Amino acid sequence: MNEPQTSSPRRRLQELLAIPDRLRTEAQWDELHELEISLAPGNRADVAPPRSYTTTPSAAPPRSRPSEGGGEVKKTFRKRHKKPPPKASTP
């Protein structure tokens, strides 16, 4: 039942996930939870820490410039048409 850790943690996780929930033992559930926690992105020891996204003046993206025509870019909006009022019926 208890086999040595010859397989990788990811492979063992896949093996445990292949077992139907209702057939897993408590020990398998515990191992599954430990593997999920240890392999979570924030807990990986073999992966470099995430980069910080602070911008420095040399790394800042270029700012957008107005078109050659000069002046500000004007947004155009679609005009919404109202429905005509219902016609009154004549008796």
PDB file of N, CA and C in Angstrom:
ATOM      1  N   MET A   1       0.827  -1.183   0.000  1.00  0.00           N
ATOM      2  CA  MET A   1       0.000   0.000   0.000  1.00  0.00           C
ATOM      3  C   MET A   1       0.874   1.249   0.000  1.00  0.00           C
ATOM      4  N   ASN A   2       1.819   1.317   0.948  1.00  0.00           N
ATOM      5  CA  ASN A   2       2.728   2.461   0.998  1.00  0.00           C
ATOM      6  C   ASN A   2       3.946   2.161   0.143  1.00  0.00           C
ATOM      7  N   GLU A   3       4.004   2.753  -1.033  1.00  0.00           N
ATOM      8  CA  GLU A   3       5.133   2.537  -1.912  1.00  0.00           C
ATOM      9  C   GLU A   3       6.098   3.707  -1.776  1.00  0.00           C
ATOM     10  N   PRO A   4       7.384   3.497  -2.036  1.00  0.00           N
ATOM     11  CA  PRO A   4       8.354   4.580  -1.898  1.00  0.00           C
ATOM     12  C   PRO A   4       8.091   5.695  -2.901  1.00  0.00           C
ATOM     13  N   GLN A   5       8.608   6.876  -2.601  1.00  0.00           N
ATOM     14  CA  GLN A   5       8.395   8.053  -3.453  1.00  0.00           C
ATOM     15  C   GLN A   5       9.304   7.991  -4.673  1.00  0.00           C
ATOM     16  N   THR A   6       9.074   7.052  -5.581  1.00  0.00           N
ATOM     17  CA  THR A   6       9.867   6.953  -6.791  1.00  0.00           C
ATOM     18  C   THR A   6       9.276   7.794  -7.910  1.00  0.00           C
ATOM     19  N   SER A   7       7.982   8.004  -7.877  1.00  0.00           N
ATOM     20  CA  SER A   7       7.343   8.801  -8.926  1.00  0.00           C
ATOM     21  C   SER A   7       7.328  10.270  -8.511  1.00  0.00           C
ATOM     22  N   SER A   8       7.155  11.129  -9.485  1.00  0.00           N
ATOM     23  CA  SER A   8       7.134  12.558  -9.203  1.00  0.00           C
ATOM     24  C   SER A   8       5.841  12.924  -8.479  1.00  0.00           C
ATOM     25  N   PRO A   9       5.844  14.031  -7.745  1.00  0.00           N
ATOM     26  CA  PRO A   9       4.627  14.442  -7.039  1.00  0.00           C
ATOM     27  C   PRO A   9       3.457  14.683  -7.984  1.00  0.00           C
ATOM     28  N   ARG A  10       3.734  15.227  -9.157  1.00  0.00           N
ATOM     29  CA  ARG A  10       2.647  15.475 -10.116  1.00  0.00           C
ATOM     30  C   ARG A  10       2.027  14.167 -10.594  1.00  0.00           C
ATOM     31  N   ARG A  11       2.878  13.179 -10.834  1.00  0.00           N
ATOM     32  CA  ARG A  11       2.365  11.877 -11.286  1.00  0.00           C
ATOM     33  C   ARG A  11       1.529  11.226 -10.185  1.00  0.00           C
ATOM     34  N   ARG A  12       2.016  11.324  -8.936  1.00  0.00           N
ATOM     35  CA  ARG A  12       1.275  10.752  -7.820  1.00  0.00           C
ATOM     36  C   ARG A  12      -0.068  11.457  -7.660  1.00  0.00           C
ATOM     37  N   LEU A  13      -0.080  12.785  -7.851  1.00  0.00           N
ATOM     38  CA  LEU A  13      -1.328  13.540  -7.768  1.00  0.00           C
ATOM     39  C   LEU A  13      -2.317  13.041  -8.815  1.00  0.00           C
ATOM     40  N   GLN A  14      -1.838  12.823 -10.031  1.00  0.00           N
ATOM     41  CA  GLN A  14      -2.711  12.317 -11.089  1.00  0.00           C
ATOM     42  C   GLN A  14      -3.235  10.924 -10.755  1.00  0.00           C
ATOM     43  N   GLU A  15      -2.384  10.089 -10.154  1.00  0.00           N
ATOM     44  CA  GLU A  15      -2.831   8.750  -9.761  1.00  0.00           C
ATOM     45  C   GLU A  15      -3.942   8.833  -8.713  1.00  0.00           C
ATOM     46  N   LEU A  16      -3.764   9.722  -7.742  1.00  0.00           N
ATOM     47  CA  LEU A  16      -4.778   9.871  -6.697  1.00  0.00           C
ATOM     48  C   LEU A  16      -6.076  10.448  -7.252  1.00  0.00           C
ATOM     49  N   LEU A  17      -5.961  11.377  -8.205  1.00  0.00           N
ATOM     50  CA  LEU A  17      -7.163  11.961  -8.800  1.00  0.00           C
ATOM     51  C   LEU A  17      -7.908  10.959  -9.675  1.00  0.00           C
ATOM     52  N   ALA A  18      -7.208   9.929 -10.140  1.00  0.00           N
ATOM     53  CA  ALA A  18      -7.853   8.915 -10.976  1.00  0.00           C
ATOM     54  C   ALA A  18      -8.752   7.997 -10.146  1.00  0.00           C
ATOM     55  N   ILE A  19      -8.522   7.952  -8.842  1.00  0.00           N
ATOM     56  CA  ILE A  19      -9.337   7.118  -7.960  1.00  0.00           C
ATOM     57  C   ILE A  19     -10.658   7.848  -7.702  1.00  0.00           C
ATOM     58  N   PRO A  20     -11.802   7.182  -7.876  1.00  0.00           N
ATOM     59  CA  PRO A  20     -13.090   7.844  -7.601  1.00  0.00           C
ATOM     60  C   PRO A  20     -13.156   8.310  -6.137  1.00  0.00           C
ATOM     61  N   ASP A  21     -13.803   9.431  -5.912  1.00  0.00           N
ATOM     62  CA  ASP A  21     -13.884  10.032  -4.575  1.00  0.00           C
ATOM     63  C   ASP A  21     -14.396   9.043  -3.530  1.00  0.00           C
ATOM     64  N   ARG A  22     -15.418   8.312  -3.859  1.00  0.00           N
ATOM     65  CA  ARG A  22     -16.032   7.440  -2.854  1.00  0.00           C
ATOM     66  C   ARG A  22     -15.171   6.241  -2.519  1.00  0.00           C
ATOM     67  N   LEU A  23     -14.137   5.960  -3.347  1.00  0.00           N
ATOM     68  CA  LEU A  23     -13.272   4.807  -3.096  1.00  0.00           C
ATOM     69  C   LEU A  23     -11.945   5.189  -2.438  1.00  0.00           C
ATOM     70  N   ARG A  24     -11.673   6.483  -2.268  1.00  0.00           N
ATOM     71  CA  ARG A  24     -10.409   6.908  -1.654  1.00  0.00           C
ATOM     72  C   ARG A  24     -10.432   6.684  -0.151  1.00  0.00           C
ATOM     73  N   THR A  25      -9.284   6.252   0.365  1.00  0.00           N
ATOM     74  CA  THR A  25      -9.156   6.086   1.810  1.00  0.00           C
ATOM     75  C   THR A  25      -8.794   7.428   2.435  1.00  0.00           C
ATOM     76  N   GLU A  26      -8.862   7.502   3.756  1.00  0.00           N
ATOM     77  CA  GLU A  26      -8.492   8.740   4.454  1.00  0.00           C
ATOM     78  C   GLU A  26      -7.033   9.090   4.195  1.00  0.00           C
ATOM     79  N   ALA A  27      -6.169   8.082   4.176  1.00  0.00           N
ATOM     80  CA  ALA A  27      -4.746   8.321   3.924  1.00  0.00           C
ATOM     81  C   ALA A  27      -4.544   8.890   2.514  1.00  0.00           C
ATOM     82  N   GLN A  28      -5.307   8.373   1.539  1.00  0.00           N
ATOM     83  CA  GLN A  28      -5.203   8.888   0.175  1.00  0.00           C
ATOM     84  C   GLN A  28      -5.719  10.320   0.091  1.00  0.00           C
ATOM     85  N   TRP A  29      -6.800  10.630   0.813  1.00  0.00           N
ATOM     86  CA  TRP A  29      -7.313  12.002   0.840  1.00  0.00           C
ATOM     87  C   TRP A  29      -6.273  12.941   1.432  1.00  0.00           C
ATOM     88  N   ASP A  30      -5.654  12.508   2.536  1.00  0.00           N
ATOM     89  CA  ASP A  30      -4.633  13.347   3.167  1.00  0.00           C
ATOM     90  C   ASP A  30      -3.457  13.585   2.237  1.00  0.00           C
ATOM     91  N   GLU A  31      -2.995  12.526   1.579  1.00  0.00           N
ATOM     92  CA  GLU A  31      -1.881  12.665   0.641  1.00  0.00           C
ATOM     93  C   GLU A  31      -2.261  13.574  -0.523  1.00  0.00           C
ATOM     94  N   LEU A  32      -3.478  13.428  -1.012  1.00  0.00           N
ATOM     95  CA  LEU A  32      -3.968  14.262  -2.105  1.00  0.00           C
ATOM     96  C   LEU A  32      -3.955  15.732  -1.712  1.00  0.00           C
ATOM     97  N   HIS A  33      -4.452  16.036  -0.514  1.00  0.00           N
ATOM     98  CA  HIS A  33      -4.480  17.427  -0.058  1.00  0.00           C
ATOM     99  C   HIS A  33      -3.071  17.981   0.119  1.00  0.00           C
ATOM    100  N   GLU A  34      -2.169  17.181   0.671  1.00  0.00           N
ATOM    101  CA  GLU A  34      -0.786  17.637   0.845  1.00  0.00           C
ATOM    102  C   GLU A  34      -0.128  17.921  -0.496  1.00  0.00           C
ATOM    103  N   LEU A  35      -0.358  17.051  -1.480  1.00  0.00           N
ATOM    104  CA  LEU A  35       0.215  17.261  -2.810  1.00  0.00           C
ATOM    105  C   LEU A  35      -0.367  18.505  -3.473  1.00  0.00           C
ATOM    106  N   GLU A  36      -1.685  18.707  -3.351  1.00  0.00           N
ATOM    107  CA  GLU A  36      -2.304  19.895  -3.945  1.00  0.00           C
ATOM    108  C   GLU A  36      -1.728  21.169  -3.334  1.00  0.00           C
ATOM    109  N   ILE A  37      -1.522  21.159  -2.019  1.00  0.00           N
ATOM    110  CA  ILE A  37      -0.974  22.342  -1.354  1.00  0.00           C
ATOM    111  C   ILE A  37       0.476  22.564  -1.770  1.00  0.00           C
ATOM    112  N   SER A  38       1.266  21.501  -1.788  1.00  0.00           N
ATOM    113  CA  SER A  38       2.683  21.664  -2.117  1.00  0.00           C
ATOM    114  C   SER A  38       2.901  22.048  -3.577  1.00  0.00           C
ATOM    115  N   LEU A  39       1.986  21.655  -4.469  1.00  0.00           N
ATOM    116  CA  LEU A  39       2.139  21.967  -5.891  1.00  0.00           C
ATOM    117  C   LEU A  39       1.409  23.235  -6.307  1.00  0.00           C
ATOM    118  N   ALA A  40       0.765  23.917  -5.366  1.00  0.00           N
ATOM    119  CA  ALA A  40       0.071  25.171  -5.696  1.00  0.00           C
ATOM    120  C   ALA A  40       1.094  26.205  -6.159  1.00  0.00           C
ATOM    121  N   PRO A  41       0.712  27.100  -7.080  1.00  0.00           N
ATOM    122  CA  PRO A  41       1.663  28.063  -7.644  1.00  0.00           C
ATOM    123  C   PRO A  41       2.405  28.892  -6.601  1.00  0.00           C
ATOM    124  N   GLY A  42       1.779  29.279  -5.531  1.00  0.00           N
ATOM    125  CA  GLY A  42       2.445  30.110  -4.533  1.00  0.00           C
ATOM    126  C   GLY A  42       3.375  29.344  -3.626  1.00  0.00           C
ATOM    127  N   ASN A  43       3.286  28.016  -3.625  1.00  0.00           N
ATOM    128  CA  ASN A  43       4.081  27.204  -2.705  1.00  0.00           C
ATOM    129  C   ASN A  43       5.206  26.436  -3.375  1.00  0.00           C
ATOM    130  N   ARG A  44       5.406  26.607  -4.646  1.00  0.00           N
ATOM    131  CA  ARG A  44       6.441  25.844  -5.340  1.00  0.00           C
ATOM    132  C   ARG A  44       7.816  26.374  -4.976  1.00  0.00           C
ATOM    133  N   ALA A  45       8.704  25.478  -4.620  1.00  0.00           N
ATOM    134  CA  ALA A  45      10.066  25.868  -4.260  1.00  0.00           C
ATOM    135  C   ALA A  45      10.966  25.910  -5.487  1.00  0.00           C
ATOM    136  N   ASP A  46      10.637  25.138  -6.530  1.00  0.00           N
ATOM    137  CA  ASP A  46      11.502  25.059  -7.707  1.00  0.00           C
ATOM    138  C   ASP A  46      11.253  26.171  -8.722  1.00  0.00           C
ATOM    139  N   VAL A  47      10.281  27.029  -8.474  1.00  0.00           N
ATOM    140  CA  VAL A  47       9.940  28.087  -9.408  1.00  0.00           C
ATOM    141  C   VAL A  47      10.405  29.427  -8.846  1.00  0.00           C
ATOM    142  N   ALA A  48      10.923  30.280  -9.709  1.00  0.00           N
ATOM    143  CA  ALA A  48      11.365  31.600  -9.278  1.00  0.00           C
ATOM    144  C   ALA A  48      10.165  32.420  -8.805  1.00  0.00           C
ATOM    145  N   PRO A  49      10.366  33.335  -7.859  1.00  0.00           N
ATOM    146  CA  PRO A  49       9.245  34.157  -7.398  1.00  0.00           C
ATOM    147  C   PRO A  49       8.712  35.017  -8.538  1.00  0.00           C
ATOM    148  N   PRO A  50       7.435  35.364  -8.498  1.00  0.00           N
ATOM    149  CA  PRO A  50       6.864  36.165  -9.587  1.00  0.00           C
ATOM    150  C   PRO A  50       7.531  37.531  -9.668  1.00  0.00           C
ATOM    151  N   ARG A  51       7.580  38.036 -10.869  1.00  0.00           N
ATOM    152  CA  ARG A  51       8.180  39.355 -11.096  1.00  0.00           C
ATOM    153  C   ARG A  51       7.296  40.438 -10.526  1.00  0.00           C
ATOM    154  N   SER A  52       7.931  41.491 -10.063  1.00  0.00           N
ATOM    155  CA  SER A  52       7.131  42.634  -9.625  1.00  0.00           C
ATOM    156  C   SER A  52       6.873  43.491 -10.854  1.00  0.00           C
ATOM    157  N   TYR A  53       5.739  44.078 -10.903  1.00  0.00           N
ATOM    158  CA  TYR A  53       5.338  44.842 -12.075  1.00  0.00           C
ATOM    159  C   TYR A  53       5.466  46.341 -11.854  1.00  0.00           C
ATOM    160  N   THR A  54       6.452  46.741 -11.077  1.00  0.00           N
ATOM    161  CA  THR A  54       6.681  48.171 -10.912  1.00  0.00           C
ATOM    162  C   THR A  54       7.381  48.677 -12.158  1.00  0.00           C
ATOM    163  N   THR A  55       7.033  49.841 -12.574  1.00  0.00           N
ATOM    164  CA  THR A  55       7.626  50.385 -13.787  1.00  0.00           C
ATOM    165  C   THR A  55       8.669  51.416 -13.421  1.00  0.00           C
ATOM    166  N   THR A  56       9.739  51.367 -14.147  1.00  0.00           N
ATOM    167  CA  THR A  56      10.778  52.378 -13.999  1.00  0.00           C
ATOM    168  C   THR A  56      10.694  53.273 -15.219  1.00  0.00           C
ATOM    169  N   PRO A  57      11.274  54.477 -15.164  1.00  0.00           N
ATOM    170  CA  PRO A  57      11.165  55.368 -16.326  1.00  0.00           C
ATOM    171  C   PRO A  57      11.671  54.732 -17.615  1.00  0.00           C
ATOM    172  N   SER A  58      12.700  53.889 -17.547  1.00  0.00           N
ATOM    173  CA  SER A  58      13.208  53.278 -18.770  1.00  0.00           C
ATOM    174  C   SER A  58      12.294  52.156 -19.266  1.00  0.00           C
ATOM    175  N   ALA A  59      11.500  51.557 -18.365  1.00  0.00           N
ATOM    176  CA  ALA A  59      10.651  50.444 -18.748  1.00  0.00           C
ATOM    177  C   ALA A  59       9.203  50.865 -18.982  1.00  0.00           C
ATOM    178  N   ALA A  60       8.893  52.131 -18.802  1.00  0.00           N
ATOM    179  CA  ALA A  60       7.517  52.601 -18.966  1.00  0.00           C
ATOM    180  C   ALA A  60       7.113  52.522 -20.433  1.00  0.00           C
ATOM    181  N   PRO A  61       5.893  52.112 -20.717  1.00  0.00           N
ATOM    182  CA  PRO A  61       5.445  52.057 -22.110  1.00  0.00           C
ATOM    183  C   PRO A  61       5.322  53.464 -22.696  1.00  0.00           C
ATOM    184  N   PRO A  62       5.523  53.598 -23.992  1.00  0.00           N
ATOM    185  CA  PRO A  62       5.400  54.931 -24.590  1.00  0.00           C
ATOM    186  C   PRO A  62       3.964  55.434 -24.503  1.00  0.00           C
ATOM    187  N   ARG A  63       3.821  56.701 -24.286  1.00  0.00           N
ATOM    188  CA  ARG A  63       2.479  57.280 -24.193  1.00  0.00           C
ATOM    189  C   ARG A  63       1.915  57.485 -25.589  1.00  0.00           C
ATOM    190  N   SER A  64       0.613  57.366 -25.697  1.00  0.00           N
ATOM    191  CA  SER A  64      -0.003  57.552 -27.001  1.00  0.00           C
ATOM    192  C   SER A  64      -0.006  59.037 -27.345  1.00  0.00           C
ATOM    193  N   ARG A  65       0.171  59.318 -28.598  1.00  0.00           N
ATOM    194  CA  ARG A  65       0.218  60.708 -29.066  1.00  0.00           C
ATOM    195  C   ARG A  65      -0.986  60.978 -29.945  1.00  0.00           C
ATOM    196  N   PRO A  66      -1.456  62.223 -29.968  1.00  0.00           N
ATOM    197  CA  PRO A  66      -2.573  62.537 -30.865  1.00  0.00           C
ATOM    198  C   PRO A  66      -2.152  62.360 -32.319  1.00  0.00           C
ATOM    199  N   SER A  67      -3.134  62.186 -33.188  1.00  0.00           N
ATOM    200  CA  SER A  67      -2.841  61.981 -34.602  1.00  0.00           C
ATOM    201  C   SER A  67      -2.198  63.232 -35.203  1.00  0.00           C
ATOM    202  N   GLU A  68      -1.671  63.080 -36.396  1.00  0.00           N
ATOM    203  CA  GLU A  68      -0.967  64.166 -37.069  1.00  0.00           C
ATOM    204  C   GLU A  68      -1.830  65.400 -37.283  1.00  0.00           C
ATOM    205  N   GLY A  69      -3.129  65.243 -37.322  1.00  0.00           N
ATOM    206  CA  GLY A  69      -4.018  66.372 -37.562  1.00  0.00           C
ATOM    207  C   GLY A  69      -3.981  67.379 -36.422  1.00  0.00           C
ATOM    208  N   GLY A  70      -3.436  67.003 -35.305  1.00  0.00           N
ATOM    209  CA  GLY A  70      -3.352  67.894 -34.164  1.00  0.00           C
ATOM    210  C   GLY A  70      -4.670  67.934 -33.413  1.00  0.00           C
ATOM    211  N   GLY A  71      -4.631  68.421 -32.221  1.00  0.00           N
ATOM    212  CA  GLY A  71      -5.847  68.527 -31.429  1.00  0.00           C
ATOM    213  C   GLY A  71      -6.189  67.213 -30.755  1.00  0.00           C
ATOM    214  N   GLU A  72      -7.322  67.199 -30.099  1.00  0.00           N
ATOM    215  CA  GLU A  72      -7.743  66.012 -29.375  1.00  0.00           C
ATOM    216  C   GLU A  72      -8.523  65.069 -30.281  1.00  0.00           C
ATOM    217  N   VAL A  73      -8.505  63.824 -29.930  1.00  0.00           N
ATOM    218  CA  VAL A  73      -9.281  62.836 -30.665  1.00  0.00           C
ATOM    219  C   VAL A  73     -10.692  62.871 -30.096  1.00  0.00           C
ATOM    220  N   LYS A  74     -11.655  63.091 -30.973  1.00  0.00           N
ATOM    221  CA  LYS A  74     -13.034  63.221 -30.538  1.00  0.00           C
ATOM    222  C   LYS A  74     -13.751  61.894 -30.745  1.00  0.00           C
ATOM    223  N   LYS A  75     -14.430  61.427 -29.709  1.00  0.00           N
ATOM    224  CA  LYS A  75     -15.196  60.209 -29.831  1.00  0.00           C
ATOM    225  C   LYS A  75     -16.549  60.526 -30.450  1.00  0.00           C
ATOM    226  N   THR A  76     -16.978  59.642 -31.306  1.00  0.00           N
ATOM    227  CA  THR A  76     -18.310  59.808 -31.883  1.00  0.00           C
ATOM    228  C   THR A  76     -19.221  58.766 -31.272  1.00  0.00           C
ATOM    229  N   PHE A  77     -20.397  59.171 -30.945  1.00  0.00           N
ATOM    230  CA  PHE A  77     -21.363  58.281 -30.341  1.00  0.00           C
ATOM    231  C   PHE A  77     -22.530  58.085 -31.293  1.00  0.00           C
ATOM    232  N   ARG A  78     -23.094  56.896 -31.248  1.00  0.00           N
ATOM    233  CA  ARG A  78     -24.262  56.633 -32.078  1.00  0.00           C
ATOM    234  C   ARG A  78     -25.476  57.287 -31.444  1.00  0.00           C
ATOM    235  N   LYS A  79     -26.283  57.874 -32.281  1.00  0.00           N
ATOM    236  CA  LYS A  79     -27.498  58.499 -31.800  1.00  0.00           C
ATOM    237  C   LYS A  79     -28.574  57.427 -31.664  1.00  0.00           C
ATOM    238  N   ARG A  80     -29.191  57.388 -30.530  1.00  0.00           N
ATOM    239  CA  ARG A  80     -30.261  56.425 -30.318  1.00  0.00           C
ATOM    240  C   ARG A  80     -31.578  57.035 -30.760  1.00  0.00           C
ATOM    241  N   HIS A  81     -32.304  56.308 -31.524  1.00  0.00           N
ATOM    242  CA  HIS A  81     -33.592  56.780 -32.013  1.00  0.00           C
ATOM    243  C   HIS A  81     -34.692  56.288 -31.084  1.00  0.00           C
ATOM    244  N   LYS A  82     -35.585  57.189 -30.793  1.00  0.00           N
ATOM    245  CA  LYS A  82     -36.726  56.809 -29.965  1.00  0.00           C
ATOM    246  C   LYS A  82     -37.787  56.179 -30.853  1.00  0.00           C
ATOM    247  N   LYS A  83     -38.540  55.308 -30.264  1.00  0.00           N
ATOM    248  CA  LYS A  83     -39.657  54.705 -30.997  1.00  0.00           C
ATOM    249  C   LYS A  83     -40.739  55.760 -31.138  1.00  0.00           C
ATOM    250  N   PRO A  84     -41.384  55.804 -32.300  1.00  0.00           N
ATOM    251  CA  PRO A  84     -42.484  56.769 -32.458  1.00  0.00           C
ATOM    252  C   PRO A  84     -43.640  56.390 -31.533  1.00  0.00           C
ATOM    253  N   PRO A  85     -44.362  57.372 -31.063  1.00  0.00           N
ATOM    254  CA  PRO A  85     -45.484  57.066 -30.185  1.00  0.00           C
ATOM    255  C   PRO A  85     -46.538  56.268 -30.956  1.00  0.00           C
ATOM    256  N   PRO A  86     -47.276  55.417 -30.267  1.00  0.00           N
ATOM    257  CA  PRO A  86     -48.304  54.637 -30.985  1.00  0.00           C
ATOM    258  C   PRO A  86     -49.391  55.556 -31.532  1.00  0.00           C
ATOM    259  N   LYS A  87     -49.853  55.208 -32.685  1.00  0.00           N
ATOM    260  CA  LYS A  87     -50.907  56.024 -33.316  1.00  0.00           C
ATOM    261  C   LYS A  87     -52.218  55.796 -32.586  1.00  0.00           C
ATOM    262  N   ALA A  88     -52.957  56.865 -32.440  1.00  0.00           N
ATOM    263  CA  ALA A  88     -54.268  56.746 -31.783  1.00  0.00           C
ATOM    264  C   ALA A  88     -55.244  56.139 -32.772  1.00  0.00           C
ATOM    265  N   SER A  89     -56.004  55.209 -32.306  1.00  0.00           N
ATOM    266  CA  SER A  89     -56.983  54.587 -33.205  1.00  0.00           C
ATOM    267  C   SER A  89     -58.212  55.494 -33.303  1.00  0.00           C
ATOM    268  N   THR A  90     -58.732  55.630 -34.491  1.00  0.00           N
ATOM    269  CA  THR A  90     -59.918  56.464 -34.713  1.00  0.00           C
ATOM    270  C   THR A  90     -61.147  55.584 -34.731  1.00  0.00           C
ATOM    271  N   PRO A  91     -62.136  55.938 -33.973  1.00  0.00           N
ATOM    272  CA  PRO A  91     -63.368  55.105 -33.963  1.00  0.00           C
ATOM    273  C   PRO A  91     -64.230  55.306 -35.165  1.00  0.00           C
TER     274      PRO A  91
END
